[in-house]
Amino acid sequence: MTMENISELKSVKKKYSAYLLSLPNVEGVGIGLKVSGGNKTQQTAIKVFVKQKISPDKLTESELIPEQLEGVPTDVEVLAPLRAD
């Protein structure tokens, strides 16, 4: 990944973070490797962290997380519960 790509990812994340965080169930937004079928890929994505995955047919059109933002893929991941040890 080049510095130009990192800069583009950061720019897209910054531009859409407030929007994504306004969606129900969304807890956080980051940048990382896309996970597909439980395995990390080499594709970078805007990571959208949710409390739980909800079937798209249970959400309205405006509640759906876009598959891409300005050509950058998104990846929805369930946020593990935080524990204080």
Foldseek 3Di string as FASTA:
>chain_A
DDPVVVVVQVVQCVVCVVVLVPAPFWDGWDKDFAADPNHGDPAIAIETEGQDDDPPVVDDPSRDDDCDGPNGGYHYDYDDDDDDD
